[in-house]
C-alpha atoms as a PDB file:
ATOM      1  CA  UNK A   1       0.205  -0.003   0.065  1.00  0.00           C
ATOM      2  CA  UNK A   2       1.626   3.113   0.396  1.00  0.00           C
ATOM      3  CA  UNK A   3       3.951   4.207   3.112  1.00  0.00           C
ATOM      4  CA  UNK A   4       4.645   4.069   6.778  1.00  0.00           C
ATOM      5  CA  UNK A   5       3.067   6.682   8.189  1.00  0.00           C
ATOM      6  CA  UNK A   6      -0.504   5.065   6.656  1.00  0.00           C
ATOM      7  CA  UNK A   7      -0.338   2.167   8.540  1.00  0.00           C
ATOM      8  CA  UNK A   8      -2.733   3.806  11.641  1.00  0.00           C
ATOM      9  CA  UNK A   9      -5.101   4.571   9.118  1.00  0.00           C
ATOM     10  CA  UNK A  10      -5.360   1.214   7.406  1.00  0.00           C
ATOM     11  CA  UNK A  11      -5.590  -0.554  10.901  1.00  0.00           C
ATOM     12  CA  UNK A  12      -8.376   1.903  12.086  1.00  0.00           C
ATOM     13  CA  UNK A  13     -10.222   0.601   8.752  1.00  0.00           C
ATOM     14  CA  UNK A  14      -9.599  -2.899   9.004  1.00  0.00           C
ATOM     15  CA  UNK A  15     -11.914  -3.718  11.213  1.00  0.00           C
ATOM     16  CA  UNK A  16     -14.700  -2.482   9.651  1.00  0.00           C
ATOM     17  CA  UNK A  17     -13.512  -3.992   6.248  1.00  0.00           C
ATOM     18  CA  UNK A  18     -13.590  -7.323   7.619  1.00  0.00           C
ATOM     19  CA  UNK A  19     -17.235  -6.591   9.317  1.00  0.00           C
ATOM     20  CA  UNK A  20     -18.747  -6.252   6.177  1.00  0.00           C
ATOM     21  CA  UNK A  21     -16.144  -9.179   4.369  1.00  0.00           C
ATOM     22  CA  UNK A  22     -14.422  -6.882   2.225  1.00  0.00           C
ATOM     23  CA  UNK A  23     -10.906  -7.177   1.414  1.00  0.00           C
ATOM     24  CA  UNK A  24      -7.960  -4.714   1.425  1.00  0.00           C
ATOM     25  CA  UNK A  25      -5.825  -4.098  -2.159  1.00  0.00           C
ATOM     26  CA  UNK A  26      -3.473  -1.871  -3.135  1.00  0.00           C
ATOM     27  CA  UNK A  27      -5.247   1.485  -4.545  1.00  0.00           C
ATOM     28  CA  UNK A  28      -3.275   0.562  -7.914  1.00  0.00           C
ATOM     29  CA  UNK A  29      -4.986  -2.720  -8.056  1.00  0.00           C
ATOM     30  CA  UNK A  30      -8.359  -0.871  -7.709  1.00  0.00           C
ATOM     31  CA  UNK A  31     -11.033  -2.093 -10.260  1.00  0.00           C
ATOM     32  CA  UNK A  32     -13.817   0.206 -11.155  1.00  0.00           C
ATOM     33  CA  UNK A  33     -16.110  -1.614  -8.567  1.00  0.00           C
ATOM     34  CA  UNK A  34     -13.303  -0.864  -5.595  1.00  0.00           C
ATOM     35  CA  UNK A  35     -13.648   2.294  -3.194  1.00  0.00           C
ATOM     36  CA  UNK A  36     -10.283   3.584  -2.966  1.00  0.00           C
ATOM     37  CA  UNK A  37      -9.933   5.604   0.301  1.00  0.00           C
ATOM     38  CA  UNK A  38      -7.357   8.476   0.466  1.00  0.00           C
ATOM     39  CA  UNK A  39      -5.932   9.932   3.631  1.00  0.00           C
ATOM     40  CA  UNK A  40      -3.954  13.730   3.632  1.00  0.00           C
ATOM     41  CA  UNK A  41      -4.133  13.844   0.209  1.00  0.00           C
ATOM     42  CA  UNK A  42      -3.353  10.478  -1.355  1.00  0.00           C
ATOM     43  CA  UNK A  43      -4.502   7.224  -2.245  1.00  0.00           C
ATOM     44  CA  UNK A  44      -3.973   4.579   0.781  1.00  0.00           C
ATOM     45  CA  UNK A  45      -5.988   1.674   0.118  1.00  0.00           C
ATOM     46  CA  UNK A  46      -8.668   0.264  -1.788  1.00  0.00           C
ATOM     47  CA  UNK A  47     -11.435  -2.160  -0.482  1.00  0.00           C
ATOM     48  CA  UNK A  48     -13.207  -4.361  -2.831  1.00  0.00           C
ATOM     49  CA  UNK A  49     -16.716  -4.806  -1.754  1.00  0.00           C
ATOM     50  CA  UNK A  50     -17.976  -8.367  -1.358  1.00  0.00           C
ATOM     51  CA  UNK A  51     -21.103  -9.399  -3.418  1.00  0.00           C
ATOM     52  CA  UNK A  52     -24.252  -9.368  -1.486  1.00  0.00           C
ATOM     53  CA  UNK A  53     -24.465 -12.737  -1.543  1.00  0.00           C
ATOM     54  CA  UNK A  54     -21.126 -13.287   0.334  1.00  0.00           C
ATOM     55  CA  UNK A  55     -22.335 -10.942   2.695  1.00  0.00           C
ATOM     56  CA  UNK A  56     -24.841 -12.475   3.837  1.00  0.00           C
ATOM     57  CA  UNK A  57     -23.024 -15.604   4.500  1.00  0.00           C
ATOM     58  CA  UNK A  58     -19.945 -13.784   6.130  1.00  0.00           C
ATOM     59  CA  UNK A  59     -22.876 -12.039   8.508  1.00  0.00           C
ATOM     60  CA  UNK A  60     -24.029 -15.477   9.660  1.00  0.00           C
ATOM     61  CA  UNK A  61     -20.680 -16.655  10.430  1.00  0.00           C
ATOM     62  CA  UNK A  62     -19.994 -13.689  11.996  1.00  0.00           C
ATOM     63  CA  UNK A  63     -22.965 -14.298  14.422  1.00  0.00           C
ATOM     64  CA  UNK A  64     -22.255 -17.722  15.062  1.00  0.00           C
ATOM     65  CA  UNK A  65     -18.736 -17.133  16.066  1.00  0.00           C
ATOM     66  CA  UNK A  66     -20.505 -14.517  18.503  1.00  0.00           C
ATOM     67  CA  UNK A  67     -23.008 -16.623  19.856  1.00  0.00           C
ATOM     68  CA  UNK A  68     -20.140 -19.437  20.288  1.00  0.00           C
ATOM     69  CA  UNK A  69     -22.427 -22.232  18.776  1.00  0.00           C
ATOM     70  CA  UNK A  70     -24.425 -23.316  15.140  1.00  0.00           C
ATOM     71  CA  UNK A  71     -27.132 -20.989  14.829  1.00  0.00           C
ATOM     72  CA  UNK A  72     -29.022 -23.972  14.173  1.00  0.00           C
ATOM     73  CA  UNK A  73     -28.545 -24.960  17.920  1.00  0.00           C
ATOM     74  CA  UNK A  74     -30.207 -21.507  19.279  1.00  0.00           C
ATOM     75  CA  UNK A  75     -33.687 -21.481  20.768  1.00  0.00           C
ATOM     76  CA  UNK A  76     -36.358 -20.038  19.234  1.00  0.00           C
ATOM     77  CA  UNK A  77     -36.418 -16.690  20.653  1.00  0.00           C
ATOM     78  CA  UNK A  78     -32.915 -15.999  19.795  1.00  0.00           C
ATOM     79  CA  UNK A  79     -33.654 -17.202  16.317  1.00  0.00           C
ATOM     80  CA  UNK A  80     -36.569 -14.770  15.863  1.00  0.00           C
ATOM     81  CA  UNK A  81     -33.803 -11.970  17.158  1.00  0.00           C
ATOM     82  CA  UNK A  82     -31.387 -13.089  14.563  1.00  0.00           C
ATOM     83  CA  UNK A  83     -34.169 -12.889  11.750  1.00  0.00           C
ATOM     84  CA  UNK A  84     -35.324  -9.418  13.070  1.00  0.00           C
ATOM     85  CA  UNK A  85     -31.644  -8.186  13.012  1.00  0.00           C
ATOM     86  CA  UNK A  86     -30.934  -9.653   9.855  1.00  0.00           C
ATOM     87  CA  UNK A  87     -34.596  -8.030   8.357  1.00  0.00           C
ATOM     88  CA  UNK A  88     -33.388  -4.431   9.396  1.00  0.00           C
ATOM     89  CA  UNK A  89     -30.034  -5.101   7.876  1.00  0.00           C
ATOM     90  CA  UNK A  90     -31.369  -5.791   4.358  1.00  0.00           C
ATOM     91  CA  UNK A  91     -30.555  -9.523   4.513  1.00  0.00           C
ATOM     92  CA  UNK A  92     -33.639 -10.613   2.942  1.00  0.00           C
ATOM     93  CA  UNK A  93     -33.557  -8.486  -0.260  1.00  0.00           C
ATOM     94  CA  UNK A  94     -30.672 -10.540  -1.257  1.00  0.00           C
ATOM     95  CA  UNK A  95     -31.510 -13.233  -3.747  1.00  0.00           C
ATOM     96  CA  UNK A  96     -32.093 -16.544  -1.612  1.00  0.00           C
ATOM     97  CA  UNK A  97     -31.787 -14.827   1.511  1.00  0.00           C
ATOM     98  CA  UNK A  98     -34.896 -16.114   3.354  1.00  0.00           C
ATOM     99  CA  UNK A  99     -33.705 -19.864   1.790  1.00  0.00           C
ATOM    100  CA  UNK A 100     -30.137 -19.268   3.160  1.00  0.00           C
ATOM    101  CA  UNK A 101     -31.018 -17.457   6.538  1.00  0.00           C
ATOM    102  CA  UNK A 102     -32.940 -20.604   7.063  1.00  0.00           C
ATOM    103  CA  UNK A 103     -30.753 -23.195   6.081  1.00  0.00           C
ATOM    104  CA  UNK A 104     -28.307 -21.345   8.820  1.00  0.00           C
ATOM    105  CA  UNK A 105     -30.813 -21.310  11.611  1.00  0.00           C
ATOM    106  CA  UNK A 106     -31.885 -24.937  10.902  1.00  0.00           C
ATOM    107  CA  UNK A 107     -35.429 -24.031  10.036  1.00  0.00           C
ATOM    108  CA  UNK A 108     -38.051 -24.021   7.282  1.00  0.00           C
ATOM    109  CA  UNK A 109     -38.456 -21.093   4.913  1.00  0.00           C
ATOM    110  CA  UNK A 110     -41.735 -20.892   6.307  1.00  0.00           C
ATOM    111  CA  UNK A 111     -40.830 -20.726   9.757  1.00  0.00           C
ATOM    112  CA  UNK A 112     -38.768 -17.500   8.976  1.00  0.00           C
ATOM    113  CA  UNK A 113     -41.521 -15.946   6.817  1.00  0.00           C
ATOM    114  CA  UNK A 114     -43.720 -16.703  10.256  1.00  0.00           C
ATOM    115  CA  UNK A 115     -40.966 -14.654  12.265  1.00  0.00           C
ATOM    116  CA  UNK A 116     -40.855 -11.909   9.733  1.00  0.00           C
ATOM    117  CA  UNK A 117     -44.569 -11.653   9.547  1.00  0.00           C
ATOM    118  CA  UNK A 118     -44.986 -11.945  13.563  1.00  0.00           C
ATOM    119  CA  UNK A 119     -42.599  -8.954  13.731  1.00  0.00           C
ATOM    120  CA  UNK A 120     -44.839  -6.862  10.959  1.00  0.00           C
ATOM    121  CA  UNK A 121     -48.163  -7.908  13.319  1.00  0.00           C
ATOM    122  CA  UNK A 122     -46.947  -6.619  16.704  1.00  0.00           C
END
């Protein structure tokens, strides 16, 4: 990437990039869909954003790590909370989002839709 003075900037943005499933790349390797970050007037690093479907898989894996167990092993209330949070993050706008989440939670698509409809009825 750039000079050694840029390392704190890169270290500062890395947790965010990791959280979204992105990748840090040198700015001169950035493609048209990459986001080049600048600091103090110069290109420091580029971020390659994940495809939306990959982001959902990344989010589910992070939730699993945070919970310390497979999401399918969680109780119903916890699964409902996860569905609420994922809906707030737009997870179900992704093609096959309901199927992906249902598989990760070890429930049917119908159950995920029930969780979503329960929230809308509240």
